[in-house]
PDB file of all heavy atoms in Angstrom:
ATOM      1  N   ALA A   1     151.335 154.142 148.732  1.00  0.00           N
ATOM      2  CA  ALA A   1     150.347 153.487 147.870  1.00  0.00           C
ATOM      3  C   ALA A   1     150.605 151.986 147.785  1.00  0.00           C
ATOM      4  O   ALA A   1     149.664 151.179 147.812  1.00  0.00           O
ATOM      5  CB  ALA A   1     150.377 154.118 146.478  1.00  0.00           C
ATOM      6  N   LEU A   2     151.870 151.609 147.706  1.00  0.00           N
ATOM      7  CA  LEU A   2     152.206 150.187 147.629  1.00  0.00           C
ATOM      8  C   LEU A   2     151.845 149.469 148.923  1.00  0.00           C
ATOM      9  O   LEU A   2     151.417 148.299 148.891  1.00  0.00           O
ATOM     10  CB  LEU A   2     153.692 150.024 147.322  1.00  0.00           C
ATOM     11  CG  LEU A   2     154.175 148.612 146.980  1.00  0.00           C
ATOM     12  CD1 LEU A   2     153.452 148.072 145.752  1.00  0.00           C
ATOM     13  CD2 LEU A   2     155.687 148.605 146.762  1.00  0.00           C
ATOM     14  N   ALA A   3     151.965 150.154 150.045  1.00  0.00           N
ATOM     15  CA  ALA A   3     151.576 149.553 151.322  1.00  0.00           C
ATOM     16  C   ALA A   3     150.085 149.217 151.339  1.00  0.00           C
ATOM     17  O   ALA A   3     149.670 148.211 151.923  1.00  0.00           O
ATOM     18  CB  ALA A   3     151.914 150.502 152.474  1.00  0.00           C
ATOM     19  N   VAL A   4     149.272 150.039 150.690  1.00  0.00           N
ATOM     20  CA  VAL A   4     147.830 149.769 150.607  1.00  0.00           C
ATOM     21  C   VAL A   4     147.577 148.475 149.836  1.00  0.00           C
ATOM     22  O   VAL A   4     146.675 147.695 150.176  1.00  0.00           O
ATOM     23  CB  VAL A   4     147.093 150.956 149.958  1.00  0.00           C
ATOM     24  CG1 VAL A   4     145.606 150.641 149.779  1.00  0.00           C
ATOM     25  CG2 VAL A   4     147.266 152.217 150.796  1.00  0.00           C
ATOM     26  N   VAL A   5     148.374 148.221 148.795  1.00  0.00           N
ATOM     27  CA  VAL A   5     148.259 146.963 148.044  1.00  0.00           C
ATOM     28  C   VAL A   5     148.510 145.782 148.973  1.00  0.00           C
ATOM     29  O   VAL A   5     147.739 144.808 149.008  1.00  0.00           O
ATOM     30  CB  VAL A   5     149.263 146.933 146.871  1.00  0.00           C
ATOM     31  CG1 VAL A   5     149.201 145.590 146.141  1.00  0.00           C
ATOM     32  CG2 VAL A   5     148.978 148.071 145.903  1.00  0.00           C
ATOM     33  N   PHE A   6     149.587 145.855 149.751  1.00  0.00           N
ATOM     34  CA  PHE A   6     149.932 144.756 150.659  1.00  0.00           C
ATOM     35  C   PHE A   6     148.869 144.562 151.734  1.00  0.00           C
ATOM     36  O   PHE A   6     148.512 143.435 152.077  1.00  0.00           O
ATOM     37  CB  PHE A   6     151.295 145.022 151.304  1.00  0.00           C
ATOM     38  CG  PHE A   6     152.453 145.018 150.348  1.00  0.00           C
ATOM     39  CD1 PHE A   6     153.590 145.761 150.606  1.00  0.00           C
ATOM     40  CD2 PHE A   6     152.409 144.268 149.185  1.00  0.00           C
ATOM     41  CE1 PHE A   6     154.661 145.750 149.729  1.00  0.00           C
ATOM     42  CE2 PHE A   6     153.469 144.247 148.296  1.00  0.00           C
ATOM     43  CZ  PHE A   6     154.609 144.992 148.570  1.00  0.00           C
ATOM     44  N   ILE A   7     148.361 145.672 152.279  1.00  0.00           N
ATOM     45  CA  ILE A   7     147.339 145.583 153.326  1.00  0.00           C
ATOM     46  C   ILE A   7     146.053 144.983 152.765  1.00  0.00           C
ATOM     47  O   ILE A   7     145.391 144.161 153.413  1.00  0.00           O
ATOM     48  CB  ILE A   7     147.089 146.971 153.943  1.00  0.00           C
ATOM     49  CG1 ILE A   7     148.332 147.439 154.713  1.00  0.00           C
ATOM     50  CG2 ILE A   7     145.867 146.943 154.876  1.00  0.00           C
ATOM     51  CD1 ILE A   7     148.280 148.889 155.136  1.00  0.00           C
ATOM     52  N   GLY A   8     145.678 145.391 151.545  1.00  0.00           N
ATOM     53  CA  GLY A   8     144.494 144.813 150.921  1.00  0.00           C
ATOM     54  C   GLY A   8     144.644 143.322 150.712  1.00  0.00           C
ATOM     55  O   GLY A   8     143.710 142.543 150.965  1.00  0.00           O
ATOM     56  N   PHE A   9     145.828 142.883 150.262  1.00  0.00           N
ATOM     57  CA  PHE A   9     146.071 141.454 150.066  1.00  0.00           C
ATOM     58  C   PHE A   9     146.007 140.715 151.402  1.00  0.00           C
ATOM     59  O   PHE A   9     145.438 139.617 151.489  1.00  0.00           O
ATOM     60  CB  PHE A   9     147.432 141.246 149.406  1.00  0.00           C
ATOM     61  CG  PHE A   9     147.735 139.810 149.094  1.00  0.00           C
ATOM     62  CD1 PHE A   9     147.098 139.168 148.047  1.00  0.00           C
ATOM     63  CD2 PHE A   9     148.649 139.104 149.851  1.00  0.00           C
ATOM     64  CE1 PHE A   9     147.368 137.836 147.758  1.00  0.00           C
ATOM     65  CE2 PHE A   9     148.927 137.772 149.576  1.00  0.00           C
ATOM     66  CZ  PHE A   9     148.288 137.143 148.526  1.00  0.00           C
ATOM     67  N   PHE A  10     146.557 141.323 152.446  1.00  0.00           N
ATOM     68  CA  PHE A  10     146.501 140.725 153.782  1.00  0.00           C
ATOM     69  C   PHE A  10     145.048 140.550 154.230  1.00  0.00           C
ATOM     70  O   PHE A  10     144.688 139.509 154.804  1.00  0.00           O
ATOM     71  CB  PHE A  10     147.267 141.614 154.770  1.00  0.00           C
ATOM     72  CG  PHE A  10     147.175 141.161 156.197  1.00  0.00           C
ATOM     73  CD1 PHE A  10     147.892 140.065 156.642  1.00  0.00           C
ATOM     74  CD2 PHE A  10     146.369 141.846 157.108  1.00  0.00           C
ATOM     75  CE1 PHE A  10     147.809 139.647 157.972  1.00  0.00           C
ATOM     76  CE2 PHE A  10     146.273 141.435 158.419  1.00  0.00           C
ATOM     77  CZ  PHE A  10     147.003 140.327 158.860  1.00  0.00           C
ATOM     78  N   ALA A  11     144.203 141.547 153.965  1.00  0.00           N
ATOM     79  CA  ALA A  11     142.787 141.457 154.332  1.00  0.00           C
ATOM     80  C   ALA A  11     142.085 140.339 153.568  1.00  0.00           C
ATOM     81  O   ALA A  11     141.238 139.628 154.120  1.00  0.00           O
ATOM     82  CB  ALA A  11     142.091 142.795 154.084  1.00  0.00           C
ATOM     83  N   VAL A  12     142.435 140.177 152.299  1.00  0.00           N
ATOM     84  CA  VAL A  12     141.798 139.135 151.479  1.00  0.00           C
ATOM     85  C   VAL A  12     142.078 137.747 152.037  1.00  0.00           C
ATOM     86  O   VAL A  12     141.176 136.894 152.097  1.00  0.00           O
ATOM     87  CB  VAL A  12     142.281 139.225 150.013  1.00  0.00           C
ATOM     88  CG1 VAL A  12     141.838 138.000 149.219  1.00  0.00           C
ATOM     89  CG2 VAL A  12     141.745 140.493 149.355  1.00  0.00           C
ATOM     90  N   ILE A  13     143.304 137.501 152.487  1.00  0.00           N
ATOM     91  CA  ILE A  13     143.678 136.141 152.899  1.00  0.00           C
ATOM     92  C   ILE A  13     143.405 135.858 154.368  1.00  0.00           C
ATOM     93  O   ILE A  13     143.478 134.693 154.779  1.00  0.00           O
ATOM     94  CB  ILE A  13     145.162 135.861 152.583  1.00  0.00           C
ATOM     95  CG1 ILE A  13     146.073 136.783 153.400  1.00  0.00           C
ATOM     96  CG2 ILE A  13     145.435 135.989 151.103  1.00  0.00           C
ATOM     97  CD1 ILE A  13     147.558 136.484 153.206  1.00  0.00           C
ATOM     98  N   THR A  14     143.079 136.877 155.168  1.00  0.00           N
ATOM     99  CA  THR A  14     142.909 136.634 156.603  1.00  0.00           C
ATOM    100  C   THR A  14     141.515 136.933 157.127  1.00  0.00           C
ATOM    101  O   THR A  14     141.272 136.779 158.326  1.00  0.00           O
ATOM    102  CB  THR A  14     143.913 137.471 157.427  1.00  0.00           C
ATOM    103  OG1 THR A  14     143.663 138.873 157.213  1.00  0.00           O
ATOM    104  CG2 THR A  14     145.345 137.130 157.048  1.00  0.00           C
ATOM    105  N   ARG A  15     140.586 137.353 156.267  1.00  0.00           N
ATOM    106  CA  ARG A  15     139.274 137.766 156.762  1.00  0.00           C
ATOM    107  C   ARG A  15     138.161 136.914 156.176  1.00  0.00           C
ATOM    108  O   ARG A  15     138.260 136.400 155.078  1.00  0.00           O
ATOM    109  CB  ARG A  15     139.027 139.245 156.475  1.00  0.00           C
ATOM    110  CG  ARG A  15     139.980 140.142 157.245  1.00  0.00           C
ATOM    111  CD  ARG A  15     139.407 141.493 157.523  1.00  0.00           C
ATOM    112  NE  ARG A  15     139.897 142.013 158.780  1.00  0.00           N
ATOM    113  CZ  ARG A  15     139.433 143.097 159.363  1.00  0.00           C
ATOM    114  NH1 ARG A  15     138.454 143.779 158.801  1.00  0.00           N
ATOM    115  NH2 ARG A  15     139.922 143.517 160.499  1.00  0.00           N
ATOM    116  N   ARG A  16     137.114 136.766 156.975  1.00  0.00           N
ATOM    117  CA  ARG A  16     135.883 136.096 156.594  1.00  0.00           C
ATOM    118  C   ARG A  16     134.737 136.970 157.083  1.00  0.00           C
ATOM    119  O   ARG A  16     134.904 137.688 158.063  1.00  0.00           O
ATOM    120  CB  ARG A  16     135.796 134.695 157.232  1.00  0.00           C
ATOM    121  CG  ARG A  16     136.920 133.736 156.866  1.00  0.00           C
ATOM    122  CD  ARG A  16     136.898 133.366 155.395  1.00  0.00           C
ATOM    123  NE  ARG A  16     137.923 132.356 155.095  1.00  0.00           N
ATOM    124  CZ  ARG A  16     139.188 132.643 154.832  1.00  0.00           C
ATOM    125  NH1 ARG A  16     139.591 133.903 154.833  1.00  0.00           N
ATOM    126  NH2 ARG A  16     140.052 131.693 154.575  1.00  0.00           N
ATOM    127  N   PRO A  17     133.574 136.965 156.443  1.00  0.00           N
ATOM    128  CA  PRO A  17     133.112 136.162 155.315  1.00  0.00           C
ATOM    129  C   PRO A  17     133.584 136.734 153.988  1.00  0.00           C
ATOM    130  O   PRO A  17     134.410 137.649 153.950  1.00  0.00           O
ATOM    131  CB  PRO A  17     131.591 136.234 155.441  1.00  0.00           C
ATOM    132  CG  PRO A  17     131.361 137.587 156.035  1.00  0.00           C
ATOM    133  CD  PRO A  17     132.507 137.803 157.011  1.00  0.00           C
ATOM    134  N   ALA A  18     132.996 136.218 152.887  1.00  0.00           N
ATOM    135  CA  ALA A  18     133.447 136.588 151.551  1.00  0.00           C
ATOM    136  C   ALA A  18     133.297 138.079 151.281  1.00  0.00           C
ATOM    137  O   ALA A  18     134.104 138.674 150.571  1.00  0.00           O
ATOM    138  CB  ALA A  18     132.680 135.782 150.497  1.00  0.00           C
ATOM    139  N   ILE A  19     132.283 138.714 151.857  1.00  0.00           N
ATOM    140  CA  ILE A  19     132.055 140.136 151.601  1.00  0.00           C
ATOM    141  C   ILE A  19     133.205 140.974 152.150  1.00  0.00           C
ATOM    142  O   ILE A  19     133.594 141.986 151.565  1.00  0.00           O
ATOM    143  CB  ILE A  19     130.701 140.595 152.199  1.00  0.00           C
ATOM    144  CG1 ILE A  19     130.255 141.904 151.565  1.00  0.00           C
ATOM    145  CG2 ILE A  19     130.755 140.685 153.705  1.00  0.00           C
ATOM    146  CD1 ILE A  19     129.779 141.777 150.162  1.00  0.00           C
ATOM    147  N   SER A  20     133.793 140.552 153.283  1.00  0.00           N
ATOM    148  CA  SER A  20     134.934 141.285 153.829  1.00  0.00           C
ATOM    149  C   SER A  20     136.177 141.067 152.984  1.00  0.00           C
ATOM    150  O   SER A  20     137.034 141.948 152.878  1.00  0.00           O
ATOM    151  CB  SER A  20     135.187 140.875 155.283  1.00  0.00           C
ATOM    152  OG  SER A  20     135.546 139.509 155.361  1.00  0.00           O
ATOM    153  N   GLN A  21     136.284 139.892 152.345  1.00  0.00           N
ATOM    154  CA  GLN A  21     137.378 139.663 151.417  1.00  0.00           C
ATOM    155  C   GLN A  21     137.236 140.567 150.192  1.00  0.00           C
ATOM    156  O   GLN A  21     138.228 141.042 149.645  1.00  0.00           O
ATOM    157  CB  GLN A  21     137.402 138.193 150.999  1.00  0.00           C
ATOM    158  CG  GLN A  21     137.735 137.244 152.142  1.00  0.00           C
ATOM    159  CD  GLN A  21     137.572 135.791 151.735  1.00  0.00           C
ATOM    160  OE1 GLN A  21     136.677 135.445 150.977  1.00  0.00           O
ATOM    161  NE2 GLN A  21     138.433 134.943 152.257  1.00  0.00           N
ATOM    162  N   THR A  22     135.989 140.792 149.769  1.00  0.00           N
ATOM    163  CA  THR A  22     135.740 141.700 148.653  1.00  0.00           C
ATOM    164  C   THR A  22     136.204 143.112 148.997  1.00  0.00           C
ATOM    165  O   THR A  22     136.803 143.803 148.159  1.00  0.00           O
ATOM    166  CB  THR A  22     134.247 141.716 148.299  1.00  0.00           C
ATOM    167  OG1 THR A  22     133.807 140.389 148.035  1.00  0.00           O
ATOM    168  CG2 THR A  22     133.979 142.597 147.082  1.00  0.00           C
ATOM    169  N   LEU A  23     135.942 143.548 150.220  1.00  0.00           N
ATOM    170  CA  LEU A  23     136.391 144.868 150.657  1.00  0.00           C
ATOM    171  C   LEU A  23     137.918 144.936 150.684  1.00  0.00           C
ATOM    172  O   LEU A  23     138.512 145.964 150.328  1.00  0.00           O
ATOM    173  CB  LEU A  23     135.809 145.187 152.035  1.00  0.00           C
ATOM    174  CG  LEU A  23     134.301 145.457 152.034  1.00  0.00           C
ATOM    175  CD1 LEU A  23     133.731 145.322 153.444  1.00  0.00           C
ATOM    176  CD2 LEU A  23     134.000 146.827 151.471  1.00  0.00           C
ATOM    177  N   GLY A  24     138.559 143.843 151.096  1.00  0.00           N
ATOM    178  CA  GLY A  24     140.017 143.800 151.052  1.00  0.00           C
ATOM    179  C   GLY A  24     140.539 143.888 149.633  1.00  0.00           C
ATOM    180  O   GLY A  24     141.529 144.576 149.361  1.00  0.00           O
TER     181      GLY A  24
END
């Protein structure tokens, strides 16, 4: 479960556009 937190944070800081950051 904690790995999912890290992966979500990674998606937020490395993906564009804003909608994909929302999914992260």
